[in-house]
Amino acid sequence: MNNNITKYFLAGIVGTIVMTFIMIMAPNLGMPEMAPWKLLSGAMGVPIIVGWIMHFMMGILFALGYGFVFAPNVHIKNIWLKGVAFGIAALVVAQIGMQVMGMIFKMPPMDGSMQMRLVAMLIGHIVFGVVTVKIIGK
């Protein structure tokens, strides 16, 4: 079990790194800026490093959720499709979390149209899902 938890942590960190790279490159690709670390730190009035830590902690929590909840209950054989499905599920959960945060904290404004933000978030979360599933491998 310890080996699995280590793998889940690694998958969450690597998946978050890859997703973050896409987020940083997004404005250069015509998409709106996506910086959840800024959103988190701005909403809670904490230093940006706390936003970065929370961003990576959420990636790890999502990977743990994949390993313990999603993978055992979603029976998709193709690992690529399973990664896409997990990425979409992660996006839905993240958006619910953001709505809850918006009820608790005053959220800073986001760049771009809602449609472009949705496309950008979908791409980022699908990439996160595929990387996470490929590393965990089930």
N, C-alpha and C. Protein backbone atom coordinates (compact mmCIF):
# COMPACT_ATOMS: atom_id res chain seq x y z
N MET A 1 0.82 -1.20 0.00
CA MET A 1 0.00 0.00 0.00
C MET A 1 0.86 1.25 0.00
N ASN A 2 1.96 1.27 0.76
CA ASN A 2 2.84 2.42 0.83
C ASN A 2 3.39 2.77 -0.55
N ASN A 3 3.73 1.75 -1.36
CA ASN A 3 4.24 1.99 -2.69
C ASN A 3 3.19 2.68 -3.55
N ASN A 4 1.91 2.28 -3.40
CA ASN A 4 0.84 2.93 -4.15
C ASN A 4 0.69 4.40 -3.76
N ILE A 5 0.73 4.69 -2.49
CA ILE A 5 0.58 6.07 -2.04
C ILE A 5 1.73 6.93 -2.57
N THR A 6 2.94 6.39 -2.57
CA THR A 6 4.08 7.11 -3.13
C THR A 6 3.85 7.37 -4.62
N LYS A 7 3.35 6.39 -5.33
CA LYS A 7 3.06 6.54 -6.76
C LYS A 7 1.97 7.59 -6.97
N TYR A 8 0.95 7.61 -6.12
CA TYR A 8 -0.13 8.59 -6.25
C TYR A 8 0.40 10.00 -6.01
N PHE A 9 1.25 10.16 -4.99
CA PHE A 9 1.86 11.47 -4.73
C PHE A 9 2.69 11.92 -5.92
N LEU A 10 3.51 11.03 -6.45
CA LEU A 10 4.35 11.35 -7.60
C LEU A 10 3.48 11.73 -8.80
N ALA A 11 2.44 10.97 -9.05
CA ALA A 11 1.54 11.26 -10.17
C ALA A 11 0.89 12.63 -10.00
N GLY A 12 0.49 12.96 -8.78
CA GLY A 12 -0.11 14.27 -8.53
C GLY A 12 0.86 15.40 -8.77
N ILE A 13 2.09 15.21 -8.34
CA ILE A 13 3.11 16.25 -8.52
C ILE A 13 3.47 16.41 -10.00
N VAL A 14 3.74 15.30 -10.68
CA VAL A 14 4.12 15.37 -12.10
C VAL A 14 2.95 15.89 -12.94
N GLY A 15 1.74 15.38 -12.68
CA GLY A 15 0.57 15.86 -13.40
C GLY A 15 0.37 17.34 -13.21
N THR A 16 0.58 17.83 -12.00
CA THR A 16 0.43 19.26 -11.71
C THR A 16 1.52 20.07 -12.41
N ILE A 17 2.73 19.55 -12.45
CA ILE A 17 3.82 20.25 -13.15
C ILE A 17 3.48 20.40 -14.64
N VAL A 18 3.04 19.32 -15.26
CA VAL A 18 2.72 19.37 -16.69
C VAL A 18 1.55 20.33 -16.93
N MET A 19 0.51 20.22 -16.10
CA MET A 19 -0.65 21.10 -16.24
C MET A 19 -0.23 22.56 -16.03
N THR A 20 0.63 22.81 -15.07
CA THR A 20 1.09 24.16 -14.78
C THR A 20 1.87 24.73 -15.96
N PHE A 21 2.69 23.91 -16.59
CA PHE A 21 3.43 24.36 -17.77
C PHE A 21 2.45 24.82 -18.85
N ILE A 22 1.38 24.06 -19.05
CA ILE A 22 0.36 24.44 -20.03
C ILE A 22 -0.31 25.75 -19.61
N MET A 23 -0.58 25.90 -18.32
CA MET A 23 -1.21 27.12 -17.83
C MET A 23 -0.31 28.34 -18.07
N ILE A 24 0.97 28.16 -17.85
CA ILE A 24 1.91 29.26 -18.04
C ILE A 24 2.02 29.63 -19.53
N MET A 25 1.94 28.62 -20.40
CA MET A 25 2.04 28.85 -21.84
C MET A 25 0.73 29.34 -22.45
N ALA A 26 -0.39 29.18 -21.77
CA ALA A 26 -1.72 29.47 -22.33
C ALA A 26 -1.83 30.86 -22.97
N PRO A 27 -1.38 31.93 -22.30
CA PRO A 27 -1.53 33.25 -22.94
C PRO A 27 -0.76 33.36 -24.26
N ASN A 28 0.32 32.61 -24.41
CA ASN A 28 1.08 32.63 -25.66
C ASN A 28 0.37 31.87 -26.77
N LEU A 29 -0.63 31.08 -26.39
CA LEU A 29 -1.40 30.28 -27.35
C LEU A 29 -2.78 30.86 -27.61
N GLY A 30 -3.01 32.09 -27.16
CA GLY A 30 -4.28 32.76 -27.40
C GLY A 30 -5.36 32.45 -26.37
N MET A 31 -4.98 31.74 -25.32
CA MET A 31 -5.96 31.43 -24.27
C MET A 31 -5.78 32.42 -23.12
N PRO A 32 -6.81 32.56 -22.28
CA PRO A 32 -6.67 33.47 -21.14
C PRO A 32 -5.67 32.94 -20.12
N GLU A 33 -5.14 33.86 -19.32
CA GLU A 33 -4.23 33.44 -18.26
C GLU A 33 -4.96 32.55 -17.27
N MET A 34 -4.32 31.45 -16.93
CA MET A 34 -4.87 30.54 -15.93
C MET A 34 -3.79 30.38 -14.87
N ALA A 35 -4.02 30.95 -13.72
CA ALA A 35 -3.03 30.89 -12.64
C ALA A 35 -3.75 30.65 -11.32
N PRO A 36 -4.10 29.38 -11.04
CA PRO A 36 -4.84 29.12 -9.81
C PRO A 36 -4.07 29.51 -8.56
N TRP A 37 -2.75 29.51 -8.63
CA TRP A 37 -1.95 29.92 -7.48
C TRP A 37 -2.21 31.38 -7.16
N LYS A 38 -2.39 32.23 -8.19
CA LYS A 38 -2.72 33.64 -7.98
C LYS A 38 -4.15 33.78 -7.47
N LEU A 39 -5.06 33.01 -8.04
CA LEU A 39 -6.46 33.05 -7.63
C LEU A 39 -6.60 32.67 -6.16
N LEU A 40 -5.94 31.58 -5.77
CA LEU A 40 -6.02 31.11 -4.38
C LEU A 40 -5.41 32.12 -3.42
N SER A 41 -4.21 32.59 -3.74
CA SER A 41 -3.55 33.53 -2.82
C SER A 41 -4.31 34.85 -2.76
N GLY A 42 -4.82 35.31 -3.91
CA GLY A 42 -5.57 36.57 -3.92
C GLY A 42 -6.87 36.48 -3.16
N ALA A 43 -7.57 35.35 -3.30
CA ALA A 43 -8.85 35.19 -2.62
C ALA A 43 -8.69 35.13 -1.11
N MET A 44 -7.62 34.48 -0.67
CA MET A 44 -7.45 34.29 0.77
C MET A 44 -6.53 35.33 1.40
N GLY A 45 -5.94 36.19 0.58
CA GLY A 45 -5.07 37.23 1.12
C GLY A 45 -3.80 36.68 1.73
N VAL A 46 -3.25 35.64 1.10
CA VAL A 46 -2.02 35.03 1.59
C VAL A 46 -0.93 35.20 0.53
N PRO A 47 0.34 35.01 0.90
CA PRO A 47 1.42 35.14 -0.08
C PRO A 47 1.27 34.14 -1.23
N ILE A 48 1.81 34.49 -2.38
CA ILE A 48 1.71 33.68 -3.58
C ILE A 48 2.29 32.27 -3.37
N ILE A 49 3.28 32.13 -2.52
CA ILE A 49 3.87 30.80 -2.27
C ILE A 49 2.82 29.87 -1.66
N VAL A 50 1.93 30.41 -0.85
CA VAL A 50 0.85 29.60 -0.27
C VAL A 50 -0.09 29.13 -1.37
N GLY A 51 -0.37 30.01 -2.34
CA GLY A 51 -1.18 29.62 -3.49
C GLY A 51 -0.53 28.50 -4.30
N TRP A 52 0.79 28.59 -4.49
CA TRP A 52 1.52 27.53 -5.20
C TRP A 52 1.45 26.21 -4.43
N ILE A 53 1.66 26.27 -3.12
CA ILE A 53 1.60 25.06 -2.30
C ILE A 53 0.21 24.43 -2.38
N MET A 54 -0.82 25.25 -2.29
CA MET A 54 -2.19 24.74 -2.37
C MET A 54 -2.48 24.13 -3.74
N HIS A 55 -1.96 24.76 -4.79
CA HIS A 55 -2.13 24.25 -6.15
C HIS A 55 -1.57 22.84 -6.26
N PHE A 56 -0.36 22.64 -5.74
CA PHE A 56 0.25 21.30 -5.80
C PHE A 56 -0.43 20.33 -4.85
N MET A 57 -0.88 20.80 -3.70
CA MET A 57 -1.60 19.92 -2.78
C MET A 57 -2.90 19.42 -3.41
N MET A 58 -3.58 20.29 -4.16
CA MET A 58 -4.80 19.87 -4.84
C MET A 58 -4.50 18.82 -5.90
N GLY A 59 -3.39 19.00 -6.62
CA GLY A 59 -2.99 17.99 -7.61
C GLY A 59 -2.75 16.65 -6.96
N ILE A 60 -2.09 16.66 -5.80
CA ILE A 60 -1.84 15.42 -5.07
C ILE A 60 -3.16 14.81 -4.58
N LEU A 61 -4.05 15.65 -4.05
CA LEU A 61 -5.35 15.14 -3.59
C LEU A 61 -6.16 14.54 -4.73
N PHE A 62 -6.13 15.18 -5.89
CA PHE A 62 -6.83 14.61 -7.05
C PHE A 62 -6.23 13.27 -7.45
N ALA A 63 -4.90 13.15 -7.43
CA ALA A 63 -4.27 11.88 -7.77
C ALA A 63 -4.63 10.80 -6.74
N LEU A 64 -4.67 11.16 -5.47
CA LEU A 64 -5.11 10.20 -4.45
C LEU A 64 -6.56 9.80 -4.70
N GLY A 65 -7.39 10.77 -5.06
CA GLY A 65 -8.78 10.46 -5.39
C GLY A 65 -8.88 9.52 -6.58
N TYR A 66 -7.99 9.71 -7.54
CA TYR A 66 -7.99 8.79 -8.69
C TYR A 66 -7.65 7.38 -8.22
N GLY A 67 -6.57 7.24 -7.46
CA GLY A 67 -6.10 5.93 -7.05
C GLY A 67 -7.07 5.19 -6.14
N PHE A 68 -7.70 5.92 -5.24
CA PHE A 68 -8.55 5.26 -4.26
C PHE A 68 -10.03 5.21 -4.63
N VAL A 69 -10.49 6.16 -5.45
CA VAL A 69 -11.93 6.22 -5.73
C VAL A 69 -12.22 5.99 -7.22
N PHE A 70 -11.60 6.78 -8.08
CA PHE A 70 -11.94 6.73 -9.50
C PHE A 70 -11.51 5.42 -10.16
N ALA A 71 -10.24 5.07 -10.04
CA ALA A 71 -9.72 3.88 -10.73
C ALA A 71 -10.46 2.59 -10.36
N PRO A 72 -10.72 2.35 -9.08
CA PRO A 72 -11.42 1.10 -8.74
C PRO A 72 -12.88 1.05 -9.20
N ASN A 73 -13.48 2.21 -9.47
CA ASN A 73 -14.91 2.24 -9.78
C ASN A 73 -15.26 2.56 -11.22
N VAL A 74 -14.29 3.02 -11.99
CA VAL A 74 -14.54 3.35 -13.40
C VAL A 74 -13.80 2.31 -14.24
N HIS A 75 -14.55 1.51 -14.95
CA HIS A 75 -13.99 0.37 -15.66
C HIS A 75 -13.82 0.66 -17.15
N ILE A 76 -12.92 1.58 -17.44
CA ILE A 76 -12.54 1.90 -18.82
C ILE A 76 -11.20 1.21 -19.06
N LYS A 77 -11.14 0.35 -20.05
CA LYS A 77 -9.92 -0.42 -20.30
C LYS A 77 -8.80 0.42 -20.90
N ASN A 78 -9.16 1.30 -21.85
CA ASN A 78 -8.16 2.11 -22.52
C ASN A 78 -7.65 3.17 -21.55
N ILE A 79 -6.36 3.13 -21.24
CA ILE A 79 -5.79 4.02 -20.23
C ILE A 79 -5.83 5.48 -20.67
N TRP A 80 -5.75 5.75 -21.97
CA TRP A 80 -5.83 7.11 -22.48
C TRP A 80 -7.24 7.67 -22.26
N LEU A 81 -8.25 6.86 -22.59
CA LEU A 81 -9.64 7.31 -22.38
C LEU A 81 -9.95 7.46 -20.91
N LYS A 82 -9.38 6.58 -20.10
CA LYS A 82 -9.58 6.68 -18.65
C LYS A 82 -8.96 7.99 -18.13
N GLY A 83 -7.82 8.36 -18.69
CA GLY A 83 -7.19 9.63 -18.31
C GLY A 83 -8.03 10.82 -18.71
N VAL A 84 -8.61 10.77 -19.91
CA VAL A 84 -9.50 11.85 -20.35
C VAL A 84 -10.72 11.93 -19.44
N ALA A 85 -11.33 10.79 -19.15
CA ALA A 85 -12.50 10.76 -18.26
C ALA A 85 -12.15 11.31 -16.89
N PHE A 86 -10.99 10.91 -16.36
CA PHE A 86 -10.58 11.42 -15.06
C PHE A 86 -10.32 12.92 -15.11
N GLY A 87 -9.70 13.40 -16.19
CA GLY A 87 -9.44 14.83 -16.32
C GLY A 87 -10.73 15.63 -16.32
N ILE A 88 -11.75 15.13 -17.03
CA ILE A 88 -13.04 15.81 -17.06
C ILE A 88 -13.69 15.78 -15.67
N ALA A 89 -13.61 14.64 -15.00
CA ALA A 89 -14.15 14.54 -13.65
C ALA A 89 -13.42 15.51 -12.70
N ALA A 90 -12.10 15.60 -12.84
CA ALA A 90 -11.32 16.53 -12.01
C ALA A 90 -11.73 17.97 -12.28
N LEU A 91 -12.00 18.30 -13.54
CA LEU A 91 -12.45 19.64 -13.89
C LEU A 91 -13.79 19.95 -13.21
N VAL A 92 -14.71 19.02 -13.25
CA VAL A 92 -16.03 19.23 -12.63
C VAL A 92 -15.87 19.44 -11.12
N VAL A 93 -15.08 18.60 -10.48
CA VAL A 93 -14.87 18.73 -9.03
C VAL A 93 -14.17 20.05 -8.71
N ALA A 94 -13.17 20.42 -9.52
CA ALA A 94 -12.45 21.68 -9.30
C ALA A 94 -13.39 22.87 -9.44
N GLN A 95 -14.29 22.83 -10.42
CA GLN A 95 -15.22 23.93 -10.61
C GLN A 95 -16.22 24.03 -9.46
N ILE A 96 -16.64 22.91 -8.95
CA ILE A 96 -17.52 22.93 -7.77
C ILE A 96 -16.76 23.54 -6.59
N GLY A 97 -15.52 23.13 -6.42
CA GLY A 97 -14.69 23.70 -5.36
C GLY A 97 -14.50 25.20 -5.51
N MET A 98 -14.32 25.66 -6.75
CA MET A 98 -14.15 27.10 -6.98
C MET A 98 -15.45 27.86 -6.66
N GLN A 99 -16.59 27.25 -6.97
CA GLN A 99 -17.86 27.90 -6.64
C GLN A 99 -18.03 28.02 -5.13
N VAL A 100 -17.66 26.98 -4.42
CA VAL A 100 -17.73 27.02 -2.95
C VAL A 100 -16.78 28.08 -2.42
N MET A 101 -15.55 28.11 -2.95
CA MET A 101 -14.59 29.14 -2.53
C MET A 101 -15.13 30.53 -2.80
N GLY A 102 -15.81 30.69 -3.94
CA GLY A 102 -16.38 31.99 -4.28
C GLY A 102 -17.46 32.44 -3.31
N MET A 103 -18.11 31.49 -2.65
CA MET A 103 -19.12 31.83 -1.64
C MET A 103 -18.46 32.22 -0.32
N ILE A 104 -17.24 31.76 -0.11
CA ILE A 104 -16.54 32.02 1.15
C ILE A 104 -15.64 33.24 1.05
N PHE A 105 -14.90 33.34 -0.06
CA PHE A 105 -13.91 34.41 -0.25
C PHE A 105 -14.31 35.29 -1.43
N LYS A 106 -13.79 36.52 -1.43
CA LYS A 106 -13.98 37.40 -2.58
C LYS A 106 -12.92 37.01 -3.61
N MET A 107 -13.39 36.45 -4.72
CA MET A 107 -12.47 35.96 -5.75
C MET A 107 -12.03 37.11 -6.66
N PRO A 108 -10.74 37.12 -7.01
CA PRO A 108 -10.29 38.13 -7.97
C PRO A 108 -10.88 37.85 -9.35
N PRO A 109 -10.99 38.88 -10.19
CA PRO A 109 -11.56 38.65 -11.54
C PRO A 109 -10.64 37.77 -12.39
N MET A 110 -11.26 37.03 -13.34
CA MET A 110 -10.50 36.16 -14.23
C MET A 110 -10.47 36.77 -15.63
N ASP A 111 -9.40 36.50 -16.35
CA ASP A 111 -9.22 37.01 -17.71
C ASP A 111 -10.01 36.18 -18.71
N GLY A 112 -10.33 36.80 -19.84
CA GLY A 112 -10.88 36.07 -20.97
C GLY A 112 -12.36 35.77 -20.84
N SER A 113 -12.92 35.33 -21.97
CA SER A 113 -14.34 34.96 -22.00
C SER A 113 -14.54 33.63 -21.29
N MET A 114 -15.76 33.39 -20.86
CA MET A 114 -16.08 32.13 -20.18
C MET A 114 -15.80 30.94 -21.09
N GLN A 115 -16.12 31.06 -22.38
CA GLN A 115 -15.90 29.96 -23.32
C GLN A 115 -14.42 29.62 -23.45
N MET A 116 -13.58 30.65 -23.59
CA MET A 116 -12.14 30.40 -23.72
C MET A 116 -11.55 29.85 -22.42
N ARG A 117 -12.04 30.34 -21.29
CA ARG A 117 -11.56 29.80 -20.01
C ARG A 117 -11.94 28.34 -19.88
N LEU A 118 -13.17 28.00 -20.30
CA LEU A 118 -13.62 26.61 -20.22
C LEU A 118 -12.76 25.70 -21.11
N VAL A 119 -12.48 26.13 -22.33
CA VAL A 119 -11.64 25.35 -23.23
C VAL A 119 -10.25 25.17 -22.62
N ALA A 120 -9.69 26.25 -22.11
CA ALA A 120 -8.35 26.19 -21.51
C ALA A 120 -8.34 25.27 -20.29
N MET A 121 -9.36 25.38 -19.43
CA MET A 121 -9.43 24.52 -18.25
C MET A 121 -9.61 23.06 -18.64
N LEU A 122 -10.41 22.82 -19.66
CA LEU A 122 -10.64 21.46 -20.13
C LEU A 122 -9.34 20.85 -20.64
N ILE A 123 -8.59 21.58 -21.45
CA ILE A 123 -7.32 21.09 -21.95
C ILE A 123 -6.37 20.78 -20.79
N GLY A 124 -6.24 21.72 -19.87
CA GLY A 124 -5.33 21.52 -18.74
C GLY A 124 -5.70 20.32 -17.89
N HIS A 125 -6.99 20.16 -17.59
CA HIS A 125 -7.41 19.05 -16.73
C HIS A 125 -7.32 17.71 -17.45
N ILE A 126 -7.59 17.70 -18.75
CA ILE A 126 -7.43 16.44 -19.49
C ILE A 126 -5.97 16.02 -19.51
N VAL A 127 -5.08 16.97 -19.74
CA VAL A 127 -3.64 16.65 -19.71
C VAL A 127 -3.25 16.15 -18.32
N PHE A 128 -3.73 16.82 -17.27
CA PHE A 128 -3.46 16.36 -15.91
C PHE A 128 -3.96 14.93 -15.72
N GLY A 129 -5.19 14.66 -16.17
CA GLY A 129 -5.77 13.33 -16.02
C GLY A 129 -4.98 12.27 -16.74
N VAL A 130 -4.58 12.53 -17.97
CA VAL A 130 -3.82 11.54 -18.75
C VAL A 130 -2.46 11.28 -18.11
N VAL A 131 -1.76 12.34 -17.71
CA VAL A 131 -0.44 12.16 -17.08
C VAL A 131 -0.58 11.37 -15.78
N THR A 132 -1.56 11.73 -14.96
CA THR A 132 -1.78 11.05 -13.69
C THR A 132 -2.08 9.55 -13.91
N VAL A 133 -2.98 9.26 -14.83
CA VAL A 133 -3.36 7.86 -15.09
C VAL A 133 -2.18 7.07 -15.67
N LYS A 134 -1.42 7.69 -16.55
CA LYS A 134 -0.26 7.00 -17.13
C LYS A 134 0.76 6.66 -16.06
N ILE A 135 0.97 7.54 -15.10
CA ILE A 135 1.95 7.27 -14.04
C ILE A 135 1.42 6.20 -13.09
N ILE A 136 0.16 6.33 -12.69
CA ILE A 136 -0.40 5.34 -11.75
C ILE A 136 -0.60 4.01 -12.44
N GLY A 137 -1.06 4.06 -13.68
CA GLY A 137 -1.11 2.84 -14.49
C GLY A 137 -2.23 1.85 -14.21
N LYS A 138 -3.36 2.31 -13.73
CA LYS A 138 -4.48 1.37 -13.59
C LYS A 138 -5.78 2.01 -13.95
